[in-house]
Amino acid sequence: RYQRRVRGGINAEYGGAYVNERNYVVLSSINGNLSELGSLFSHLPCFTQFKAMRRRIFSRILEEVGWEKRATDGHTDSLLRNMLVTTLGKSDDEQVLAKCHELFNQHVSGGKQIEADIRGAVYLTVRQDGKEETYRHLLDLFKKTDLHEERDRIQRILGNGPNAQLRTETLDFAMSDTVRSNDTPFVIHGVANSGAEGRDQTWAFVQEKFPVFKERYSGGFLFTRLVQVTSNFTSMEQYKSVESFFAENKAPSAERAVKQSLESIKLRAAWLDRDGESVAQWFTQQGL
């Protein structure tokens, strides 16, 4: 089923068939499948072409939706705007990157505040520049607010950047008293979401801190959330690493999550082995 979904997406949705779609539910489904593909390609040369494909699909839609709320907006318009800014930011859309930095600089300097419905998307986009200055600004915003919604918005994206040192700092931050215990797994997961290097870094951290996590979260959803940082791995070497670790470090309450993660890794590795080269060729044929 997984393989059919990804192959079907390449053949239909991502061939330009939906560039005129405006329904949030449909676009959200397309974007979800694209995110699945993105996690497969993030360590491959064709990832640059993949991001160009996403820009081709979504950039014109954001131009029509706009950055600010309109009197005629419905609930799904706000959701769509947030999704588009997030996706295009991850896809290195130059106009979106520039606009997000403009909005963020105004926000942190005490000027016009970023509207709540796109604030998380803007934070995520500027954080991906990897600059320490941006990271420090976000930490300052975190410390200055008492609103958990705003704190959660920031802490979940702190680790989502290309700077390995700042990702390490975020992992340590997740374990500090500054972060609520129930929020820690989500901060850690944010580092894993930064890409292939972030996933490797997070997995090493989870293994190192596993006794602490097991004592703190065993038996609950938050423990399985930590196990799931491995689910986007893409090689059999990583499969063996996960399998070996949990064979030696039993976690009965997360047994199902471990099995699901291993199945996901195996499917991803098989898909890349079978179709990775042909998909890269497809990107080139599309002029991406």
C-alpha atoms as a PDB file:
ATOM      1  CA  ARG A   1       0.000   0.000   0.000  1.00  0.00           C
ATOM      2  CA  TYR A   2       2.832   2.372   0.906  1.00  0.00           C
ATOM      3  CA  GLN A   3       4.642   1.682  -2.352  1.00  0.00           C
ATOM      4  CA  ARG A   4       1.478   2.158  -4.437  1.00  0.00           C
ATOM      5  CA  ARG A   5       0.731   5.445  -2.717  1.00  0.00           C
ATOM      6  CA  VAL A   6       4.178   6.892  -3.371  1.00  0.00           C
ATOM      7  CA  ARG A   7       4.371   5.619  -6.963  1.00  0.00           C
ATOM      8  CA  GLY A   8       0.851   6.903  -7.671  1.00  0.00           C
ATOM      9  CA  GLY A   9       1.752  10.283  -6.243  1.00  0.00           C
ATOM     10  CA  ILE A  10       4.719  10.636  -8.549  1.00  0.00           C
ATOM     11  CA  ASN A  11       2.684   9.663 -11.610  1.00  0.00           C
ATOM     12  CA  ALA A  12      -0.368  11.840 -10.935  1.00  0.00           C
ATOM     13  CA  GLU A  13      -0.320  14.472  -8.228  1.00  0.00           C
ATOM     14  CA  TYR A  14       3.230  15.626  -8.816  1.00  0.00           C
ATOM     15  CA  GLY A  15       3.055  15.716 -12.587  1.00  0.00           C
ATOM     16  CA  GLY A  16       1.299  19.084 -12.420  1.00  0.00           C
ATOM     17  CA  ALA A  17      -2.229  17.670 -12.405  1.00  0.00           C
ATOM     18  CA  TYR A  18      -3.194  19.605  -9.273  1.00  0.00           C
ATOM     19  CA  VAL A  19      -1.565  22.995  -9.777  1.00  0.00           C
ATOM     20  CA  ASN A  20      -5.013  24.584 -10.158  1.00  0.00           C
ATOM     21  CA  GLU A  21      -6.495  22.918  -7.060  1.00  0.00           C
ATOM     22  CA  ARG A  22      -7.631  25.247  -4.263  1.00  0.00           C
ATOM     23  CA  ASN A  23      -9.487  22.933  -1.867  1.00  0.00           C
ATOM     24  CA  TYR A  24      -7.636  22.695   1.447  1.00  0.00           C
ATOM     25  CA  VAL A  25      -8.541  19.058   2.087  1.00  0.00           C
ATOM     26  CA  VAL A  26      -7.245  17.977  -1.314  1.00  0.00           C
ATOM     27  CA  LEU A  27      -4.098  20.086  -1.070  1.00  0.00           C
ATOM     28  CA  SER A  28      -3.442  18.873   2.462  1.00  0.00           C
ATOM     29  CA  SER A  29      -3.590  15.278   1.244  1.00  0.00           C
ATOM     30  CA  ILE A  30      -1.187  16.058  -1.592  1.00  0.00           C
ATOM     31  CA  ASN A  31       1.145  17.847   0.780  1.00  0.00           C
ATOM     32  CA  GLY A  32       1.070  14.921   3.205  1.00  0.00           C
ATOM     33  CA  ASN A  33       2.166  12.513   0.486  1.00  0.00           C
ATOM     34  CA  LEU A  34       4.810  14.976  -0.639  1.00  0.00           C
ATOM     35  CA  SER A  35       6.149  15.166   2.911  1.00  0.00           C
ATOM     36  CA  GLU A  36       6.419  11.383   2.868  1.00  0.00           C
ATOM     37  CA  LEU A  37       8.462  11.612  -0.310  1.00  0.00           C
ATOM     38  CA  GLY A  38      10.559  14.427   1.128  1.00  0.00           C
ATOM     39  CA  SER A  39      11.659  12.293   4.049  1.00  0.00           C
ATOM     40  CA  LEU A  40      12.753   9.648   1.530  1.00  0.00           C
ATOM     41  CA  PHE A  41      14.718  12.033  -0.680  1.00  0.00           C
ATOM     42  CA  SER A  42      16.178  14.416   1.906  1.00  0.00           C
ATOM     43  CA  HIS A  43      19.636  12.788   1.766  1.00  0.00           C
ATOM     44  CA  LEU A  44      19.731  12.343  -2.027  1.00  0.00           C
ATOM     45  CA  PRO A  45      20.938  14.699  -4.788  1.00  0.00           C
ATOM     46  CA  CYS A  46      17.437  14.764  -6.317  1.00  0.00           C
ATOM     47  CA  PHE A  47      16.080  16.481  -3.186  1.00  0.00           C
ATOM     48  CA  THR A  48      16.871  19.840  -4.808  1.00  0.00           C
ATOM     49  CA  GLN A  49      14.671  18.896  -7.756  1.00  0.00           C
ATOM     50  CA  PHE A  50      12.005  17.621  -5.388  1.00  0.00           C
ATOM     51  CA  LYS A  51      11.860  21.018  -3.678  1.00  0.00           C
ATOM     52  CA  ALA A  52      11.574  22.705  -7.072  1.00  0.00           C
ATOM     53  CA  MET A  53       8.579  20.474  -7.794  1.00  0.00           C
ATOM     54  CA  ARG A  54       6.881  21.554  -4.572  1.00  0.00           C
ATOM     55  CA  ARG A  55       7.476  25.193  -5.403  1.00  0.00           C
ATOM     56  CA  ARG A  56       5.902  24.668  -8.807  1.00  0.00           C
ATOM     57  CA  ILE A  57       2.786  23.164  -7.229  1.00  0.00           C
ATOM     58  CA  PHE A  58       2.247  25.554  -4.321  1.00  0.00           C
ATOM     59  CA  SER A  59       3.810  28.966  -5.011  1.00  0.00           C
ATOM     60  CA  ARG A  60       1.026  30.292  -7.210  1.00  0.00           C
ATOM     61  CA  ILE A  61      -1.582  29.183  -4.681  1.00  0.00           C
ATOM     62  CA  LEU A  62       0.058  31.230  -1.915  1.00  0.00           C
ATOM     63  CA  GLU A  63       0.077  34.271  -4.201  1.00  0.00           C
ATOM     64  CA  GLU A  64      -3.708  33.949  -4.477  1.00  0.00           C
ATOM     65  CA  VAL A  65      -4.338  33.151  -0.793  1.00  0.00           C
ATOM     66  CA  GLY A  66      -2.061  35.947   0.435  1.00  0.00           C
ATOM     67  CA  TRP A  67      -0.193  36.373   3.718  1.00  0.00           C
ATOM     68  CA  GLU A  68      -2.846  38.201   5.723  1.00  0.00           C
ATOM     69  CA  LYS A  69      -6.326  37.267   6.827  1.00  0.00           C
ATOM     70  CA  ARG A  70      -9.202  38.478   4.734  1.00  0.00           C
ATOM     71  CA  ALA A  71     -12.748  39.268   5.813  1.00  0.00           C
ATOM     72  CA  THR A  72     -13.990  36.516   3.517  1.00  0.00           C
ATOM     73  CA  ASP A  73     -11.664  33.838   4.946  1.00  0.00           C
ATOM     74  CA  GLY A  74     -13.144  30.650   6.315  1.00  0.00           C
ATOM     75  CA  HIS A  75     -11.488  28.287   8.779  1.00  0.00           C
ATOM     76  CA  THR A  76      -9.767  26.281   6.060  1.00  0.00           C
ATOM     77  CA  ASP A  77      -8.249  29.403   4.488  1.00  0.00           C
ATOM     78  CA  SER A  78      -6.166  29.966   7.627  1.00  0.00           C
ATOM     79  CA  LEU A  79      -5.116  26.322   7.631  1.00  0.00           C
ATOM     80  CA  LEU A  80      -4.214  26.508   3.955  1.00  0.00           C
ATOM     81  CA  ARG A  81      -2.142  29.666   4.411  1.00  0.00           C
ATOM     82  CA  ASN A  82      -0.157  28.092   7.244  1.00  0.00           C
ATOM     83  CA  MET A  83       0.435  24.906   5.236  1.00  0.00           C
ATOM     84  CA  LEU A  84       1.592  26.829   2.157  1.00  0.00           C
ATOM     85  CA  VAL A  85       4.062  29.015   4.056  1.00  0.00           C
ATOM     86  CA  THR A  86       5.458  25.974   5.869  1.00  0.00           C
ATOM     87  CA  THR A  87       5.807  23.891   2.712  1.00  0.00           C
ATOM     88  CA  LEU A  88       7.297  26.640   0.552  1.00  0.00           C
ATOM     89  CA  GLY A  89       9.685  27.600   3.349  1.00  0.00           C
ATOM     90  CA  LYS A  90      10.919  24.018   3.465  1.00  0.00           C
ATOM     91  CA  SER A  91      11.222  24.120  -0.314  1.00  0.00           C
ATOM     92  CA  ASP A  92      13.573  27.141  -0.329  1.00  0.00           C
ATOM     93  CA  ASP A  93      11.145  29.441  -2.097  1.00  0.00           C
ATOM     94  CA  GLU A  94      13.109  32.703  -2.256  1.00  0.00           C
ATOM     95  CA  GLN A  95      10.087  34.989  -1.935  1.00  0.00           C
ATOM     96  CA  VAL A  96       8.740  33.078   1.054  1.00  0.00           C
ATOM     97  CA  LEU A  97      12.145  33.005   2.749  1.00  0.00           C
ATOM     98  CA  ALA A  98      12.520  36.772   2.308  1.00  0.00           C
ATOM     99  CA  LYS A  99       8.982  37.502   3.512  1.00  0.00           C
ATOM    100  CA  CYS A 100       9.348  35.281   6.586  1.00  0.00           C
ATOM    101  CA  HIS A 101      12.591  36.996   7.598  1.00  0.00           C
ATOM    102  CA  GLU A 102      10.968  40.384   7.105  1.00  0.00           C
ATOM    103  CA  LEU A 103       8.012  39.430   9.307  1.00  0.00           C
ATOM    104  CA  PHE A 104      10.271  37.842  11.926  1.00  0.00           C
ATOM    105  CA  ASN A 105      12.599  40.846  12.150  1.00  0.00           C
ATOM    106  CA  GLN A 106       9.628  43.152  12.675  1.00  0.00           C
ATOM    107  CA  HIS A 107       8.237  40.783  15.301  1.00  0.00           C
ATOM    108  CA  VAL A 108      11.398  40.465  17.418  1.00  0.00           C
ATOM    109  CA  SER A 109      12.162  44.205  17.208  1.00  0.00           C
ATOM    110  CA  GLY A 110       8.796  45.059  18.775  1.00  0.00           C
ATOM    111  CA  GLY A 111       7.140  46.126  15.534  1.00  0.00           C
ATOM    112  CA  LYS A 112       4.208  44.489  13.795  1.00  0.00           C
ATOM    113  CA  GLN A 113       3.525  41.084  15.332  1.00  0.00           C
ATOM    114  CA  ILE A 114       3.189  38.000  13.163  1.00  0.00           C
ATOM    115  CA  GLU A 115      -0.396  36.801  12.866  1.00  0.00           C
ATOM    116  CA  ALA A 116      -1.000  33.717  14.988  1.00  0.00           C
ATOM    117  CA  ASP A 117      -2.206  31.518  12.148  1.00  0.00           C
ATOM    118  CA  ILE A 118       1.154  31.690  10.326  1.00  0.00           C
ATOM    119  CA  ARG A 119       3.496  32.386  13.237  1.00  0.00           C
ATOM    120  CA  GLY A 120       4.617  28.779  13.603  1.00  0.00           C
ATOM    121  CA  ALA A 121       5.272  28.546   9.857  1.00  0.00           C
ATOM    122  CA  VAL A 122       7.337  31.743   9.940  1.00  0.00           C
ATOM    123  CA  TYR A 123       9.328  30.575  12.969  1.00  0.00           C
ATOM    124  CA  LEU A 124      10.070  27.258  11.269  1.00  0.00           C
ATOM    125  CA  THR A 125      11.133  28.925   8.021  1.00  0.00           C
ATOM    126  CA  VAL A 126      13.544  31.413   9.592  1.00  0.00           C
ATOM    127  CA  ARG A 127      14.967  28.743  11.898  1.00  0.00           C
ATOM    128  CA  GLN A 128      16.039  26.741   8.868  1.00  0.00           C
ATOM    129  CA  ASP A 129      18.622  29.383   7.944  1.00  0.00           C
ATOM    130  CA  GLY A 130      20.903  27.784  10.537  1.00  0.00           C
ATOM    131  CA  LYS A 131      22.055  31.131  11.955  1.00  0.00           C
ATOM    132  CA  GLU A 132      22.782  31.320  15.660  1.00  0.00           C
ATOM    133  CA  GLU A 133      21.321  34.833  15.814  1.00  0.00           C
ATOM    134  CA  THR A 134      17.922  33.502  14.714  1.00  0.00           C
ATOM    135  CA  TYR A 135      18.167  30.691  17.253  1.00  0.00           C
ATOM    136  CA  ARG A 136      18.914  33.149  20.080  1.00  0.00           C
ATOM    137  CA  HIS A 137      16.003  35.376  19.079  1.00  0.00           C
ATOM    138  CA  LEU A 138      13.664  32.386  19.235  1.00  0.00           C
ATOM    139  CA  LEU A 139      15.001  31.378  22.647  1.00  0.00           C
ATOM    140  CA  ASP A 140      14.449  34.919  23.894  1.00  0.00           C
ATOM    141  CA  LEU A 141      10.856  34.828  22.658  1.00  0.00           C
ATOM    142  CA  PHE A 142      10.417  31.513  24.461  1.00  0.00           C
ATOM    143  CA  LYS A 143      11.731  32.892  27.744  1.00  0.00           C
ATOM    144  CA  LYS A 144       9.731  36.123  27.592  1.00  0.00           C
ATOM    145  CA  THR A 145       6.296  34.554  27.146  1.00  0.00           C
ATOM    146  CA  ASP A 146       4.118  32.810  29.718  1.00  0.00           C
ATOM    147  CA  LEU A 147       1.747  31.448  27.068  1.00  0.00           C
ATOM    148  CA  HIS A 148       2.222  27.717  26.652  1.00  0.00           C
ATOM    149  CA  GLU A 149       0.876  27.844  23.103  1.00  0.00           C
ATOM    150  CA  GLU A 150       3.651  30.241  22.094  1.00  0.00           C
ATOM    151  CA  ARG A 151       6.291  28.326  24.007  1.00  0.00           C
ATOM    152  CA  ASP A 152       5.202  25.086  22.368  1.00  0.00           C
ATOM    153  CA  ARG A 153       5.214  26.725  18.942  1.00  0.00           C
ATOM    154  CA  ILE A 154       8.866  27.708  19.464  1.00  0.00           C
ATOM    155  CA  GLN A 155      10.253  24.660  21.240  1.00  0.00           C
ATOM    156  CA  ARG A 156       8.985  22.256  18.589  1.00  0.00           C
ATOM    157  CA  ILE A 157      10.972  23.967  15.827  1.00  0.00           C
ATOM    158  CA  LEU A 158      14.156  24.948  17.693  1.00  0.00           C
ATOM    159  CA  GLY A 159      16.011  21.856  16.509  1.00  0.00           C
ATOM    160  CA  ASN A 160      14.854  22.113  12.916  1.00  0.00           C
ATOM    161  CA  GLY A 161      17.965  23.574  11.298  1.00  0.00           C
ATOM    162  CA  PRO A 162      21.187  22.591   9.524  1.00  0.00           C
ATOM    163  CA  ASN A 163      23.572  23.559  12.351  1.00  0.00           C
ATOM    164  CA  ALA A 164      24.590  20.393  14.225  1.00  0.00           C
ATOM    165  CA  GLN A 165      25.836  22.331  17.249  1.00  0.00           C
ATOM    166  CA  LEU A 166      22.490  24.094  17.654  1.00  0.00           C
ATOM    167  CA  ARG A 167      20.672  20.783  17.261  1.00  0.00           C
ATOM    168  CA  THR A 168      22.807  19.401  20.093  1.00  0.00           C
ATOM    169  CA  GLU A 169      21.967  22.447  22.200  1.00  0.00           C
ATOM    170  CA  THR A 170      18.277  21.853  21.494  1.00  0.00           C
ATOM    171  CA  LEU A 171      18.487  18.225  22.611  1.00  0.00           C
ATOM    172  CA  ASP A 172      20.103  19.341  25.868  1.00  0.00           C
ATOM    173  CA  PHE A 173      17.478  22.076  26.178  1.00  0.00           C
ATOM    174  CA  ALA A 174      14.762  19.425  25.838  1.00  0.00           C
ATOM    175  CA  MET A 175      16.092  17.652  28.931  1.00  0.00           C
ATOM    176  CA  SER A 176      16.395  20.811  31.012  1.00  0.00           C
ATOM    177  CA  ASP A 177      14.020  22.074  33.677  1.00  0.00           C
ATOM    178  CA  THR A 178      12.992  24.847  31.282  1.00  0.00           C
ATOM    179  CA  VAL A 179      10.948  22.365  29.251  1.00  0.00           C
ATOM    180  CA  ARG A 180       7.974  20.523  30.707  1.00  0.00           C
ATOM    181  CA  SER A 181       8.553  16.792  30.977  1.00  0.00           C
ATOM    182  CA  ASN A 182       5.510  16.086  28.802  1.00  0.00           C
ATOM    183  CA  ASP A 183       6.876  18.405  26.110  1.00  0.00           C
ATOM    184  CA  THR A 184      10.378  16.913  25.963  1.00  0.00           C
ATOM    185  CA  PRO A 185       9.615  14.174  23.355  1.00  0.00           C
ATOM    186  CA  PHE A 186       8.136  16.753  20.982  1.00  0.00           C
ATOM    187  CA  VAL A 187      11.202  19.000  21.241  1.00  0.00           C
ATOM    188  CA  ILE A 188      13.401  15.982  20.504  1.00  0.00           C
ATOM    189  CA  HIS A 189      11.190  14.983  17.596  1.00  0.00           C
ATOM    190  CA  GLY A 190      11.691  18.453  16.146  1.00  0.00           C
ATOM    191  CA  VAL A 191      15.407  17.718  15.807  1.00  0.00           C
ATOM    192  CA  ALA A 192      14.634  14.458  14.001  1.00  0.00           C
ATOM    193  CA  ASN A 193      12.406  16.403  11.601  1.00  0.00           C
ATOM    194  CA  SER A 194      15.340  18.546  10.455  1.00  0.00           C
ATOM    195  CA  GLY A 195      16.515  15.959   7.915  1.00  0.00           C
ATOM    196  CA  ALA A 196      18.710  12.903   7.564  1.00  0.00           C
ATOM    197  CA  GLU A 197      21.543  14.254   9.741  1.00  0.00           C
ATOM    198  CA  GLY A 198      19.081  15.364  12.388  1.00  0.00           C
ATOM    199  CA  ARG A 199      17.485  11.913  12.460  1.00  0.00           C
ATOM    200  CA  ASP A 200      20.872  10.261  12.996  1.00  0.00           C
ATOM    201  CA  GLN A 201      21.759  12.754  15.706  1.00  0.00           C
ATOM    202  CA  THR A 202      18.426  12.283  17.466  1.00  0.00           C
ATOM    203  CA  TRP A 203      18.646   8.485  17.342  1.00  0.00           C
ATOM    204  CA  ALA A 204      22.103   8.597  18.939  1.00  0.00           C
ATOM    205  CA  PHE A 205      20.698  10.867  21.662  1.00  0.00           C
ATOM    206  CA  VAL A 206      17.690   8.636  22.310  1.00  0.00           C
ATOM    207  CA  GLN A 207      19.968   5.623  22.682  1.00  0.00           C
ATOM    208  CA  GLU A 208      22.231   7.511  25.093  1.00  0.00           C
ATOM    209  CA  LYS A 209      19.323   8.725  27.245  1.00  0.00           C
ATOM    210  CA  PHE A 210      17.181   5.619  26.880  1.00  0.00           C
ATOM    211  CA  PRO A 211      17.287   4.589  30.588  1.00  0.00           C
ATOM    212  CA  VAL A 212      16.054   8.061  31.548  1.00  0.00           C
ATOM    213  CA  PHE A 213      13.274   7.992  28.958  1.00  0.00           C
ATOM    214  CA  LYS A 214      12.207   4.499  29.943  1.00  0.00           C
ATOM    215  CA  GLU A 215      11.917   5.430  33.598  1.00  0.00           C
ATOM    216  CA  ARG A 216      10.129   8.695  32.842  1.00  0.00           C
ATOM    217  CA  TYR A 217       7.701   7.672  30.098  1.00  0.00           C
ATOM    218  CA  SER A 218       7.453   3.884  29.928  1.00  0.00           C
ATOM    219  CA  GLY A 219       3.906   2.697  29.379  1.00  0.00           C
ATOM    220  CA  GLY A 220       2.621   5.872  27.784  1.00  0.00           C
ATOM    221  CA  PHE A 221       2.222   7.569  24.432  1.00  0.00           C
ATOM    222  CA  LEU A 222       5.239   9.811  24.986  1.00  0.00           C
ATOM    223  CA  PHE A 223       7.559   6.807  25.129  1.00  0.00           C
ATOM    224  CA  THR A 224       6.319   5.528  21.764  1.00  0.00           C
ATOM    225  CA  ARG A 225       6.777   9.046  20.399  1.00  0.00           C
ATOM    226  CA  LEU A 226      10.488   8.776  21.150  1.00  0.00           C
ATOM    227  CA  VAL A 227      10.693   5.383  19.453  1.00  0.00           C
ATOM    228  CA  GLN A 228       9.102   6.900  16.368  1.00  0.00           C
ATOM    229  CA  VAL A 229      12.119   9.131  15.698  1.00  0.00           C
ATOM    230  CA  THR A 230      13.490   6.078  13.851  1.00  0.00           C
ATOM    231  CA  SER A 231      10.496   5.542  11.555  1.00  0.00           C
ATOM    232  CA  ASN A 232      11.831   7.787   8.761  1.00  0.00           C
ATOM    233  CA  PHE A 233      15.141   5.976   8.366  1.00  0.00           C
ATOM    234  CA  THR A 234      15.762   4.737   4.839  1.00  0.00           C
ATOM    235  CA  SER A 235      18.465   2.052   4.880  1.00  0.00           C
ATOM    236  CA  MET A 236      18.824  -1.525   6.025  1.00  0.00           C
ATOM    237  CA  GLU A 237      21.911  -0.503   7.965  1.00  0.00           C
ATOM    238  CA  GLN A 238      19.707   1.774  10.044  1.00  0.00           C
ATOM    239  CA  TYR A 239      17.135  -1.006  10.286  1.00  0.00           C
ATOM    240  CA  LYS A 240      19.758  -3.284  11.848  1.00  0.00           C
ATOM    241  CA  SER A 241      20.811  -0.539  14.253  1.00  0.00           C
ATOM    242  CA  VAL A 242      17.251  -0.085  15.538  1.00  0.00           C
ATOM    243  CA  GLU A 243      16.531  -3.802  15.639  1.00  0.00           C
ATOM    244  CA  SER A 244      19.749  -4.551  17.522  1.00  0.00           C
ATOM    245  CA  PHE A 245      19.239  -1.772  20.052  1.00  0.00           C
ATOM    246  CA  PHE A 246      15.727  -2.821  21.035  1.00  0.00           C
ATOM    247  CA  ALA A 247      16.750  -6.486  21.137  1.00  0.00           C
ATOM    248  CA  GLU A 248      19.244  -5.543  23.851  1.00  0.00           C
ATOM    249  CA  ASN A 249      17.102  -2.861  25.499  1.00  0.00           C
ATOM    250  CA  LYS A 250      13.664  -4.335  25.994  1.00  0.00           C
ATOM    251  CA  ALA A 251      10.733  -1.949  26.021  1.00  0.00           C
ATOM    252  CA  PRO A 252       7.533  -4.029  26.314  1.00  0.00           C
ATOM    253  CA  SER A 253       5.260  -0.978  26.385  1.00  0.00           C
ATOM    254  CA  ALA A 254       6.700   0.234  23.073  1.00  0.00           C
ATOM    255  CA  GLU A 255       6.910  -3.148  21.362  1.00  0.00           C
ATOM    256  CA  ARG A 256       4.234  -2.276  18.821  1.00  0.00           C
ATOM    257  CA  ALA A 257       5.866   1.064  18.014  1.00  0.00           C
ATOM    258  CA  VAL A 258       9.217  -0.658  17.488  1.00  0.00           C
ATOM    259  CA  LYS A 259       7.665  -3.185  15.089  1.00  0.00           C
ATOM    260  CA  GLN A 260       5.900  -0.433  13.159  1.00  0.00           C
ATOM    261  CA  SER A 261       9.092   1.577  12.922  1.00  0.00           C
ATOM    262  CA  LEU A 262      11.079  -1.395  11.660  1.00  0.00           C
ATOM    263  CA  GLU A 263       8.413  -2.142   9.068  1.00  0.00           C
ATOM    264  CA  SER A 264       8.492   1.472   7.913  1.00  0.00           C
ATOM    265  CA  ILE A 265      12.279   1.453   7.557  1.00  0.00           C
ATOM    266  CA  LYS A 266      12.220  -1.778   5.572  1.00  0.00           C
ATOM    267  CA  LEU A 267       9.549  -0.455   3.192  1.00  0.00           C
ATOM    268  CA  ARG A 268      11.422   2.789   2.666  1.00  0.00           C
ATOM    269  CA  ALA A 269      14.709   1.058   1.992  1.00  0.00           C
ATOM    270  CA  ALA A 270      13.049  -1.332  -0.468  1.00  0.00           C
ATOM    271  CA  TRP A 271      11.284   1.504  -2.262  1.00  0.00           C
ATOM    272  CA  LEU A 272      14.482   3.510  -2.703  1.00  0.00           C
ATOM    273  CA  ASP A 273      16.349   0.433  -3.884  1.00  0.00           C
ATOM    274  CA  ARG A 274      13.667  -0.343  -6.469  1.00  0.00           C
ATOM    275  CA  ASP A 275      12.446   3.091  -7.582  1.00  0.00           C
ATOM    276  CA  GLY A 276      14.942   5.684  -6.371  1.00  0.00           C
ATOM    277  CA  GLU A 277      16.891   5.912  -9.615  1.00  0.00           C
ATOM    278  CA  SER A 278      13.809   6.024 -11.842  1.00  0.00           C
ATOM    279  CA  VAL A 279      12.275   8.798  -9.718  1.00  0.00           C
ATOM    280  CA  ALA A 280      15.477  10.850 -10.001  1.00  0.00           C
ATOM    281  CA  GLN A 281      15.274  10.424 -13.779  1.00  0.00           C
ATOM    282  CA  TRP A 282      11.623  11.515 -13.697  1.00  0.00           C
ATOM    283  CA  PHE A 283      12.569  14.761 -11.976  1.00  0.00           C
ATOM    284  CA  THR A 284      15.105  15.478 -14.680  1.00  0.00           C
ATOM    285  CA  GLN A 285      12.587  14.725 -17.423  1.00  0.00           C
ATOM    286  CA  GLN A 286      10.214  17.291 -15.904  1.00  0.00           C
ATOM    287  CA  GLY A 287      12.872  19.962 -16.285  1.00  0.00           C
ATOM    288  CA  LEU A 288      13.215  20.422 -12.540  1.00  0.00           C
END
